[in-house]
Amino acid sequence: MPRTLILPHLNKSQLKQKMNDAESLDQFKRWQAIYLRLTQPGLSVESVADACGARYRTVTQWTWMYNKFGPDAYCLAGRGGRRKGFLDPSDEKRLLEELRAKADKGQIVTARIVREKAERLLDRNVSKDYAYDLLHRHRWRKVQPRPHHPQGNKSKQEAFKKTSKTSWIPPEKP
């Protein structure tokens, strides 16, 4: 298999500096692969991939990117953006503040209500998952009161707890 040469955009010391300055492990691996391919020309791509903890195809792709775009474009850039939200973060906060006011008054706020409000603001349909994701993004959690019987008597319940057996013994067979 023909070997792909690494174009000398950077020298060895500059590549070492790039590895030292890497902000993440992934970025370090990329620079390490280029460094090994440049400093060890006899080393196979498989060996470089093993040393970097990557696959053969990944190392060849990194090599191509480095040769074509140079070291400035070689850095990992986050995908960025906000892919899951239809509303702006400020609009989401405003929506949840309205609902917080209702919740503070004792009204129950459900994901269905969040979804309906969001649909009115957006003039389009959104999924139920969007409402749950919106609540999760703003660290809202499900808080639900423990169910109780409307005719329950607290004092009788406490008395029962004190007089009941703590373990069950099966009845003897006749």
N, C-alpha and C. Protein backbone atom coordinates (compact mmCIF):
# COMPACT_ATOMS: atom_id res chain seq x y z
N MET A 1 0.86 -1.18 0.00
CA MET A 1 0.00 0.00 0.00
C MET A 1 0.90 1.24 0.00
N PRO A 2 0.64 2.22 -0.88
CA PRO A 2 1.49 3.40 -0.94
C PRO A 2 1.37 4.23 0.33
N ARG A 3 2.46 4.82 0.73
CA ARG A 3 2.49 5.65 1.93
C ARG A 3 2.16 7.09 1.55
N THR A 4 1.33 7.71 2.35
CA THR A 4 1.00 9.11 2.14
C THR A 4 2.03 9.95 2.89
N LEU A 5 2.64 10.86 2.21
CA LEU A 5 3.62 11.72 2.84
C LEU A 5 2.91 12.84 3.58
N ILE A 6 3.52 13.25 4.67
CA ILE A 6 2.99 14.38 5.44
C ILE A 6 3.68 15.64 4.94
N LEU A 7 2.91 16.62 4.56
CA LEU A 7 3.48 17.88 4.12
C LEU A 7 4.05 18.61 5.33
N PRO A 8 5.22 19.21 5.19
CA PRO A 8 5.87 19.84 6.35
C PRO A 8 5.32 21.23 6.64
N HIS A 9 4.05 21.30 7.00
CA HIS A 9 3.47 22.58 7.41
C HIS A 9 4.13 23.09 8.69
N LEU A 10 4.39 22.13 9.61
CA LEU A 10 5.02 22.46 10.89
C LEU A 10 6.23 21.57 11.09
N ASN A 11 7.21 22.05 11.85
CA ASN A 11 8.36 21.21 12.16
C ASN A 11 8.07 20.39 13.43
N LYS A 12 9.04 19.56 13.83
CA LYS A 12 8.86 18.65 14.97
C LYS A 12 8.57 19.41 16.27
N SER A 13 9.31 20.46 16.53
CA SER A 13 9.10 21.19 17.79
C SER A 13 7.74 21.89 17.80
N GLN A 14 7.30 22.38 16.66
CA GLN A 14 5.97 23.01 16.60
C GLN A 14 4.87 21.97 16.82
N LEU A 15 5.06 20.78 16.27
CA LEU A 15 4.08 19.71 16.49
C LEU A 15 4.04 19.28 17.95
N LYS A 16 5.23 19.21 18.58
CA LYS A 16 5.25 18.88 20.02
C LYS A 16 4.51 19.94 20.82
N GLN A 17 4.71 21.19 20.45
CA GLN A 17 4.01 22.28 21.14
C GLN A 17 2.50 22.16 20.95
N LYS A 18 2.07 21.79 19.73
CA LYS A 18 0.64 21.60 19.47
C LYS A 18 0.09 20.48 20.35
N MET A 19 0.85 19.39 20.50
CA MET A 19 0.39 18.29 21.36
C MET A 19 0.29 18.76 22.81
N ASN A 20 1.26 19.54 23.27
CA ASN A 20 1.23 20.03 24.65
C ASN A 20 0.09 21.02 24.88
N ASP A 21 -0.26 21.77 23.87
CA ASP A 21 -1.31 22.79 24.00
C ASP A 21 -2.71 22.25 23.70
N ALA A 22 -2.81 20.96 23.37
CA ALA A 22 -4.12 20.39 23.01
C ALA A 22 -5.11 20.57 24.15
N GLU A 23 -6.32 20.98 23.80
CA GLU A 23 -7.36 21.23 24.81
C GLU A 23 -8.13 19.97 25.19
N SER A 24 -8.02 18.94 24.35
CA SER A 24 -8.75 17.71 24.65
C SER A 24 -7.90 16.51 24.23
N LEU A 25 -8.29 15.36 24.68
CA LEU A 25 -7.60 14.13 24.32
C LEU A 25 -7.72 13.86 22.83
N ASP A 26 -8.89 14.13 22.28
CA ASP A 26 -9.09 13.91 20.84
C ASP A 26 -8.15 14.77 20.01
N GLN A 27 -8.00 16.01 20.41
CA GLN A 27 -7.10 16.90 19.68
C GLN A 27 -5.65 16.44 19.84
N PHE A 28 -5.30 15.98 21.04
CA PHE A 28 -3.95 15.46 21.26
C PHE A 28 -3.68 14.28 20.34
N LYS A 29 -4.63 13.35 20.21
CA LYS A 29 -4.46 12.19 19.35
C LYS A 29 -4.22 12.59 17.90
N ARG A 30 -4.93 13.60 17.44
CA ARG A 30 -4.75 14.08 16.07
C ARG A 30 -3.33 14.58 15.84
N TRP A 31 -2.86 15.41 16.77
CA TRP A 31 -1.51 15.96 16.62
C TRP A 31 -0.47 14.85 16.78
N GLN A 32 -0.72 13.90 17.65
CA GLN A 32 0.20 12.79 17.86
C GLN A 32 0.33 11.96 16.58
N ALA A 33 -0.78 11.72 15.91
CA ALA A 33 -0.75 10.95 14.67
C ALA A 33 0.09 11.65 13.62
N ILE A 34 -0.08 12.95 13.47
CA ILE A 34 0.71 13.70 12.49
C ILE A 34 2.18 13.71 12.90
N TYR A 35 2.45 13.88 14.17
CA TYR A 35 3.83 13.88 14.67
C TYR A 35 4.50 12.54 14.36
N LEU A 36 3.84 11.44 14.67
CA LEU A 36 4.41 10.12 14.41
C LEU A 36 4.61 9.87 12.93
N ARG A 37 3.66 10.28 12.12
CA ARG A 37 3.79 10.07 10.68
C ARG A 37 4.91 10.92 10.10
N LEU A 38 5.15 12.10 10.69
CA LEU A 38 6.21 12.98 10.19
C LEU A 38 7.60 12.53 10.68
N THR A 39 7.68 12.16 11.96
CA THR A 39 8.99 11.84 12.54
C THR A 39 9.41 10.39 12.31
N GLN A 40 8.47 9.52 12.07
CA GLN A 40 8.76 8.10 11.86
C GLN A 40 8.24 7.68 10.48
N PRO A 41 8.91 8.07 9.41
CA PRO A 41 8.38 7.79 8.07
C PRO A 41 8.25 6.30 7.76
N GLY A 42 9.02 5.44 8.41
CA GLY A 42 8.93 4.01 8.16
C GLY A 42 7.79 3.34 8.91
N LEU A 43 7.16 4.05 9.82
CA LEU A 43 6.09 3.49 10.65
C LEU A 43 4.81 3.36 9.81
N SER A 44 4.18 2.21 9.89
CA SER A 44 2.96 2.00 9.10
C SER A 44 1.78 2.76 9.71
N VAL A 45 0.78 2.98 8.89
CA VAL A 45 -0.42 3.68 9.37
C VAL A 45 -1.11 2.87 10.46
N GLU A 46 -1.07 1.55 10.34
CA GLU A 46 -1.66 0.69 11.37
C GLU A 46 -0.97 0.88 12.71
N SER A 47 0.35 0.99 12.69
CA SER A 47 1.11 1.20 13.93
C SER A 47 0.79 2.55 14.55
N VAL A 48 0.68 3.58 13.70
CA VAL A 48 0.33 4.91 14.20
C VAL A 48 -1.07 4.88 14.79
N ALA A 49 -1.98 4.19 14.11
CA ALA A 49 -3.36 4.09 14.61
C ALA A 49 -3.40 3.40 15.97
N ASP A 50 -2.61 2.33 16.12
CA ASP A 50 -2.55 1.63 17.41
C ASP A 50 -1.98 2.54 18.50
N ALA A 51 -0.94 3.27 18.16
CA ALA A 51 -0.31 4.15 19.14
C ALA A 51 -1.24 5.28 19.58
N CYS A 52 -2.06 5.75 18.66
CA CYS A 52 -2.95 6.87 18.96
C CYS A 52 -4.31 6.43 19.48
N GLY A 53 -4.59 5.15 19.43
CA GLY A 53 -5.90 4.67 19.87
C GLY A 53 -6.99 5.04 18.88
N ALA A 54 -6.65 4.96 17.59
CA ALA A 54 -7.61 5.29 16.54
C ALA A 54 -7.62 4.15 15.53
N ARG A 55 -8.45 4.27 14.53
CA ARG A 55 -8.52 3.28 13.47
C ARG A 55 -7.66 3.70 12.29
N TYR A 56 -7.34 2.73 11.45
CA TYR A 56 -6.54 2.98 10.26
C TYR A 56 -7.17 4.07 9.40
N ARG A 57 -8.44 3.92 9.15
CA ARG A 57 -9.15 4.87 8.26
C ARG A 57 -9.15 6.28 8.87
N THR A 58 -9.26 6.36 10.18
CA THR A 58 -9.28 7.66 10.84
C THR A 58 -7.94 8.36 10.68
N VAL A 59 -6.85 7.63 10.85
CA VAL A 59 -5.52 8.22 10.71
C VAL A 59 -5.30 8.69 9.27
N THR A 60 -5.73 7.90 8.31
CA THR A 60 -5.57 8.33 6.91
C THR A 60 -6.41 9.57 6.62
N GLN A 61 -7.58 9.66 7.23
CA GLN A 61 -8.42 10.85 7.05
C GLN A 61 -7.77 12.07 7.71
N TRP A 62 -7.20 11.90 8.90
CA TRP A 62 -6.50 13.00 9.56
C TRP A 62 -5.33 13.48 8.72
N THR A 63 -4.60 12.51 8.14
CA THR A 63 -3.46 12.86 7.29
C THR A 63 -3.92 13.69 6.10
N TRP A 64 -4.96 13.26 5.46
CA TRP A 64 -5.50 13.98 4.31
C TRP A 64 -5.92 15.40 4.69
N MET A 65 -6.63 15.52 5.83
CA MET A 65 -7.09 16.84 6.28
C MET A 65 -5.91 17.76 6.57
N TYR A 66 -4.89 17.23 7.23
CA TYR A 66 -3.71 18.04 7.56
C TYR A 66 -3.00 18.49 6.29
N ASN A 67 -2.83 17.58 5.34
CA ASN A 67 -2.15 17.93 4.09
C ASN A 67 -2.95 18.93 3.27
N LYS A 68 -4.25 18.76 3.22
CA LYS A 68 -5.08 19.61 2.36
C LYS A 68 -5.34 20.99 2.96
N PHE A 69 -5.68 21.03 4.25
CA PHE A 69 -6.12 22.28 4.86
C PHE A 69 -5.06 22.96 5.75
N GLY A 70 -4.02 22.22 6.10
CA GLY A 70 -2.98 22.80 6.92
C GLY A 70 -3.30 22.73 8.40
N PRO A 71 -2.37 23.19 9.24
CA PRO A 71 -2.53 23.04 10.69
C PRO A 71 -3.62 23.94 11.28
N ASP A 72 -3.92 25.07 10.66
CA ASP A 72 -4.93 25.97 11.22
C ASP A 72 -6.33 25.38 11.12
N ALA A 73 -6.60 24.67 10.05
CA ALA A 73 -7.93 24.08 9.87
C ALA A 73 -8.00 22.68 10.47
N TYR A 74 -6.89 22.19 10.99
CA TYR A 74 -6.83 20.84 11.50
C TYR A 74 -7.38 20.71 12.91
N CYS A 75 -7.47 21.81 13.63
CA CYS A 75 -7.96 21.77 15.01
C CYS A 75 -9.41 21.33 15.03
N LEU A 76 -9.73 20.60 16.08
CA LEU A 76 -11.13 20.18 16.27
C LEU A 76 -11.96 21.39 16.62
N ALA A 77 -13.02 21.57 15.89
CA ALA A 77 -13.95 22.63 16.22
C ALA A 77 -15.26 21.96 16.61
N GLY A 78 -15.86 22.39 17.69
CA GLY A 78 -17.13 21.83 18.09
C GLY A 78 -18.19 22.09 17.03
N ARG A 79 -19.16 21.26 17.00
CA ARG A 79 -20.21 21.43 16.01
C ARG A 79 -20.96 22.73 16.25
N GLY A 80 -20.99 23.12 17.51
CA GLY A 80 -21.62 24.39 17.83
C GLY A 80 -23.10 24.41 17.52
N GLY A 81 -23.70 25.54 17.78
CA GLY A 81 -25.11 25.68 17.46
C GLY A 81 -26.00 25.09 18.53
N ARG A 82 -27.24 25.30 18.33
CA ARG A 82 -28.25 24.81 19.25
C ARG A 82 -29.25 24.05 18.41
N ARG A 83 -29.12 22.76 18.38
CA ARG A 83 -29.88 21.95 17.44
C ARG A 83 -31.24 21.49 17.98
N LYS A 84 -31.41 21.51 19.26
CA LYS A 84 -32.62 20.91 19.83
C LYS A 84 -33.70 21.92 20.19
N GLY A 85 -33.39 23.18 20.19
CA GLY A 85 -34.37 24.15 20.66
C GLY A 85 -34.98 24.95 19.53
N PHE A 86 -36.28 25.01 19.49
CA PHE A 86 -36.97 25.85 18.51
C PHE A 86 -37.04 27.29 19.00
N LEU A 87 -37.15 27.45 20.30
CA LEU A 87 -37.23 28.78 20.89
C LEU A 87 -35.83 29.25 21.31
N ASP A 88 -35.65 30.55 21.34
CA ASP A 88 -34.40 31.10 21.88
C ASP A 88 -34.34 30.80 23.37
N PRO A 89 -33.14 30.72 23.93
CA PRO A 89 -33.04 30.47 25.37
C PRO A 89 -33.79 31.49 26.21
N SER A 90 -33.79 32.75 25.78
CA SER A 90 -34.51 33.77 26.54
C SER A 90 -36.02 33.54 26.46
N ASP A 91 -36.52 33.11 25.30
CA ASP A 91 -37.94 32.81 25.16
C ASP A 91 -38.33 31.59 26.00
N GLU A 92 -37.43 30.61 26.03
CA GLU A 92 -37.70 29.43 26.87
C GLU A 92 -37.79 29.82 28.34
N LYS A 93 -36.87 30.68 28.77
CA LYS A 93 -36.90 31.11 30.17
C LYS A 93 -38.17 31.87 30.48
N ARG A 94 -38.58 32.73 29.57
CA ARG A 94 -39.81 33.51 29.77
C ARG A 94 -41.02 32.58 29.88
N LEU A 95 -41.08 31.57 29.01
CA LEU A 95 -42.16 30.60 29.04
C LEU A 95 -42.19 29.86 30.37
N LEU A 96 -41.03 29.43 30.83
CA LEU A 96 -40.99 28.69 32.09
C LEU A 96 -41.24 29.57 33.30
N GLU A 97 -40.91 30.85 33.21
CA GLU A 97 -41.23 31.77 34.32
C GLU A 97 -42.74 31.94 34.46
N GLU A 98 -43.45 31.99 33.34
CA GLU A 98 -44.92 32.05 33.40
C GLU A 98 -45.46 30.80 34.08
N LEU A 99 -44.90 29.65 33.72
CA LEU A 99 -45.37 28.40 34.30
C LEU A 99 -44.94 28.28 35.76
N ARG A 100 -43.79 28.84 36.10
CA ARG A 100 -43.35 28.80 37.50
C ARG A 100 -44.32 29.58 38.39
N ALA A 101 -44.83 30.69 37.86
CA ALA A 101 -45.80 31.48 38.63
C ALA A 101 -47.05 30.65 38.91
N LYS A 102 -47.49 29.88 37.91
CA LYS A 102 -48.66 29.01 38.13
C LYS A 102 -48.33 27.91 39.13
N ALA A 103 -47.14 27.34 39.01
CA ALA A 103 -46.75 26.26 39.91
C ALA A 103 -46.64 26.76 41.35
N ASP A 104 -46.15 28.00 41.51
CA ASP A 104 -46.04 28.56 42.85
C ASP A 104 -47.41 28.76 43.50
N LYS A 105 -48.43 28.95 42.68
CA LYS A 105 -49.79 29.10 43.21
C LYS A 105 -50.43 27.75 43.54
N GLY A 106 -49.74 26.67 43.21
CA GLY A 106 -50.27 25.35 43.53
C GLY A 106 -50.86 24.62 42.35
N GLN A 107 -50.84 25.22 41.17
CA GLN A 107 -51.36 24.54 40.00
C GLN A 107 -50.31 23.55 39.49
N ILE A 108 -50.79 22.47 38.90
CA ILE A 108 -49.88 21.43 38.41
C ILE A 108 -49.45 21.79 36.99
N VAL A 109 -48.15 21.78 36.76
CA VAL A 109 -47.58 22.06 35.44
C VAL A 109 -47.11 20.73 34.86
N THR A 110 -47.65 20.39 33.70
CA THR A 110 -47.30 19.13 33.05
C THR A 110 -46.59 19.42 31.73
N ALA A 111 -45.98 18.39 31.17
CA ALA A 111 -45.30 18.54 29.89
C ALA A 111 -46.30 18.90 28.79
N ARG A 112 -47.53 18.43 28.92
CA ARG A 112 -48.55 18.77 27.93
C ARG A 112 -48.80 20.27 27.91
N ILE A 113 -48.83 20.89 29.07
CA ILE A 113 -49.04 22.34 29.15
C ILE A 113 -47.84 23.08 28.55
N VAL A 114 -46.64 22.61 28.83
CA VAL A 114 -45.44 23.22 28.26
C VAL A 114 -45.47 23.11 26.74
N ARG A 115 -45.86 21.94 26.27
CA ARG A 115 -45.93 21.71 24.82
C ARG A 115 -46.95 22.64 24.17
N GLU A 116 -48.12 22.76 24.77
CA GLU A 116 -49.17 23.63 24.19
C GLU A 116 -48.71 25.08 24.15
N LYS A 117 -48.08 25.53 25.23
CA LYS A 117 -47.58 26.93 25.25
C LYS A 117 -46.52 27.14 24.18
N ALA A 118 -45.61 26.17 24.05
CA ALA A 118 -44.56 26.28 23.03
C ALA A 118 -45.17 26.29 21.63
N GLU A 119 -46.18 25.47 21.40
CA GLU A 119 -46.83 25.44 20.09
C GLU A 119 -47.50 26.78 19.78
N ARG A 120 -48.10 27.39 20.79
CA ARG A 120 -48.71 28.71 20.57
C ARG A 120 -47.66 29.76 20.23
N LEU A 121 -46.53 29.71 20.90
CA LEU A 121 -45.46 30.67 20.63
C LEU A 121 -44.84 30.46 19.24
N LEU A 122 -44.72 29.20 18.84
CA LEU A 122 -44.04 28.89 17.59
C LEU A 122 -44.97 28.85 16.38
N ASP A 123 -46.26 28.75 16.60
CA ASP A 123 -47.24 28.58 15.52
C ASP A 123 -46.94 27.33 14.70
N ARG A 124 -46.55 26.28 15.37
CA ARG A 124 -46.32 24.98 14.73
C ARG A 124 -46.41 23.89 15.77
N ASN A 125 -46.56 22.67 15.34
CA ASN A 125 -46.63 21.54 16.26
C ASN A 125 -45.23 21.14 16.70
N VAL A 126 -45.13 20.75 17.96
CA VAL A 126 -43.87 20.21 18.49
C VAL A 126 -44.19 18.89 19.17
N SER A 127 -43.18 18.06 19.32
CA SER A 127 -43.39 16.75 19.93
C SER A 127 -43.44 16.87 21.45
N LYS A 128 -43.93 15.81 22.05
CA LYS A 128 -43.95 15.76 23.52
C LYS A 128 -42.52 15.71 24.05
N ASP A 129 -41.64 15.06 23.30
CA ASP A 129 -40.24 15.00 23.71
C ASP A 129 -39.61 16.38 23.75
N TYR A 130 -40.02 17.27 22.87
CA TYR A 130 -39.48 18.63 22.88
C TYR A 130 -39.80 19.29 24.22
N ALA A 131 -41.01 19.09 24.71
CA ALA A 131 -41.39 19.68 25.99
C ALA A 131 -40.54 19.10 27.13
N TYR A 132 -40.34 17.79 27.11
CA TYR A 132 -39.51 17.16 28.15
C TYR A 132 -38.06 17.66 28.05
N ASP A 133 -37.55 17.77 26.83
CA ASP A 133 -36.18 18.27 26.64
C ASP A 133 -36.05 19.71 27.13
N LEU A 134 -37.05 20.53 26.85
CA LEU A 134 -37.04 21.92 27.30
C LEU A 134 -36.97 21.98 28.82
N LEU A 135 -37.80 21.17 29.47
CA LEU A 135 -37.80 21.14 30.93
C LEU A 135 -36.45 20.64 31.46
N HIS A 136 -35.90 19.64 30.81
CA HIS A 136 -34.62 19.09 31.24
C HIS A 136 -33.49 20.12 31.06
N ARG A 137 -33.50 20.86 29.94
CA ARG A 137 -32.47 21.86 29.70
C ARG A 137 -32.43 22.92 30.78
N HIS A 138 -33.59 23.23 31.35
CA HIS A 138 -33.67 24.27 32.38
C HIS A 138 -33.70 23.68 33.78
N ARG A 139 -33.33 22.40 33.87
CA ARG A 139 -33.20 21.70 35.15
C ARG A 139 -34.50 21.61 35.95
N TRP A 140 -35.61 21.55 35.24
CA TRP A 140 -36.87 21.27 35.92
C TRP A 140 -36.93 19.76 36.08
N ARG A 141 -37.50 19.32 37.18
CA ARG A 141 -37.62 17.90 37.40
C ARG A 141 -39.03 17.57 37.83
N LYS A 142 -39.32 16.31 37.76
CA LYS A 142 -40.66 15.87 38.10
C LYS A 142 -40.80 15.81 39.61
N VAL A 143 -41.62 16.67 40.13
CA VAL A 143 -41.92 16.67 41.55
C VAL A 143 -43.40 16.39 41.66
N GLN A 144 -43.72 15.32 42.31
CA GLN A 144 -45.11 14.91 42.39
C GLN A 144 -45.43 14.58 43.84
N PRO A 145 -46.55 15.08 44.35
CA PRO A 145 -46.88 14.76 45.73
C PRO A 145 -47.19 13.27 45.89
N ARG A 146 -46.86 12.74 47.04
CA ARG A 146 -47.17 11.34 47.30
C ARG A 146 -48.69 11.20 47.40
N PRO A 147 -49.25 10.20 46.73
CA PRO A 147 -50.70 10.06 46.76
C PRO A 147 -51.23 9.70 48.15
N HIS A 148 -52.39 10.20 48.47
CA HIS A 148 -53.01 9.86 49.74
C HIS A 148 -54.53 9.75 49.50
N HIS A 149 -55.14 8.98 50.33
CA HIS A 149 -56.58 8.76 50.21
C HIS A 149 -57.31 9.97 50.77
N PRO A 150 -58.33 10.46 50.07
CA PRO A 150 -59.03 11.65 50.55
C PRO A 150 -59.73 11.45 51.90
N GLN A 151 -60.11 10.20 52.24
CA GLN A 151 -60.78 9.96 53.51
C GLN A 151 -59.82 9.36 54.54
N GLY A 152 -58.52 9.43 54.27
CA GLY A 152 -57.54 8.86 55.18
C GLY A 152 -57.48 9.62 56.50
N ASN A 153 -57.27 8.89 57.59
CA ASN A 153 -57.18 9.48 58.91
C ASN A 153 -55.75 9.31 59.41
N LYS A 154 -55.04 10.41 59.52
CA LYS A 154 -53.62 10.38 59.88
C LYS A 154 -53.39 9.74 61.25
N SER A 155 -54.22 10.06 62.22
CA SER A 155 -54.01 9.52 63.57
C SER A 155 -54.23 8.00 63.60
N LYS A 156 -55.23 7.49 62.87
CA LYS A 156 -55.47 6.05 62.81
C LYS A 156 -54.30 5.34 62.11
N GLN A 157 -53.77 5.99 61.08
CA GLN A 157 -52.64 5.39 60.37
C GLN A 157 -51.43 5.27 61.29
N GLU A 158 -51.15 6.30 62.06
CA GLU A 158 -50.02 6.26 62.99
C GLU A 158 -50.23 5.20 64.08
N ALA A 159 -51.47 5.09 64.58
CA ALA A 159 -51.76 4.08 65.59
C ALA A 159 -51.58 2.68 65.02
N PHE A 160 -52.01 2.47 63.77
CA PHE A 160 -51.86 1.18 63.13
C PHE A 160 -50.37 0.81 62.97
N LYS A 161 -49.55 1.80 62.60
CA LYS A 161 -48.12 1.54 62.43
C LYS A 161 -47.49 1.08 63.74
N LYS A 162 -47.98 1.62 64.87
CA LYS A 162 -47.39 1.28 66.17
C LYS A 162 -47.83 -0.10 66.64
N THR A 163 -49.04 -0.54 66.29
CA THR A 163 -49.57 -1.81 66.81
C THR A 163 -49.43 -2.97 65.83
N SER A 164 -49.08 -2.72 64.59
CA SER A 164 -49.01 -3.82 63.62
C SER A 164 -47.69 -4.56 63.76
N LYS A 165 -47.71 -5.82 63.34
CA LYS A 165 -46.51 -6.64 63.40
C LYS A 165 -45.54 -6.17 62.33
N THR A 166 -44.27 -6.30 62.62
CA THR A 166 -43.26 -5.86 61.66
C THR A 166 -42.95 -6.94 60.63
N SER A 167 -43.31 -8.20 60.92
CA SER A 167 -43.08 -9.27 59.95
C SER A 167 -44.32 -10.14 59.89
N TRP A 168 -44.45 -10.87 58.79
CA TRP A 168 -45.62 -11.71 58.58
C TRP A 168 -45.24 -13.16 58.82
N ILE A 169 -46.04 -13.83 59.60
CA ILE A 169 -45.83 -15.25 59.88
C ILE A 169 -47.00 -15.99 59.24
N PRO A 170 -46.70 -16.91 58.33
CA PRO A 170 -47.82 -17.61 57.69
C PRO A 170 -48.59 -18.49 58.67
N PRO A 171 -49.88 -18.63 58.42
CA PRO A 171 -50.68 -19.46 59.34
C PRO A 171 -50.25 -20.93 59.25
N GLU A 172 -50.42 -21.63 60.35
CA GLU A 172 -50.08 -23.04 60.38
C GLU A 172 -51.11 -23.84 59.60
N LYS A 173 -50.65 -24.88 58.95
CA LYS A 173 -51.57 -25.72 58.17
C LYS A 173 -52.31 -26.65 59.14
N PRO A 174 -53.60 -26.91 58.88
CA PRO A 174 -54.37 -27.77 59.78
C PRO A 174 -54.00 -29.22 59.68
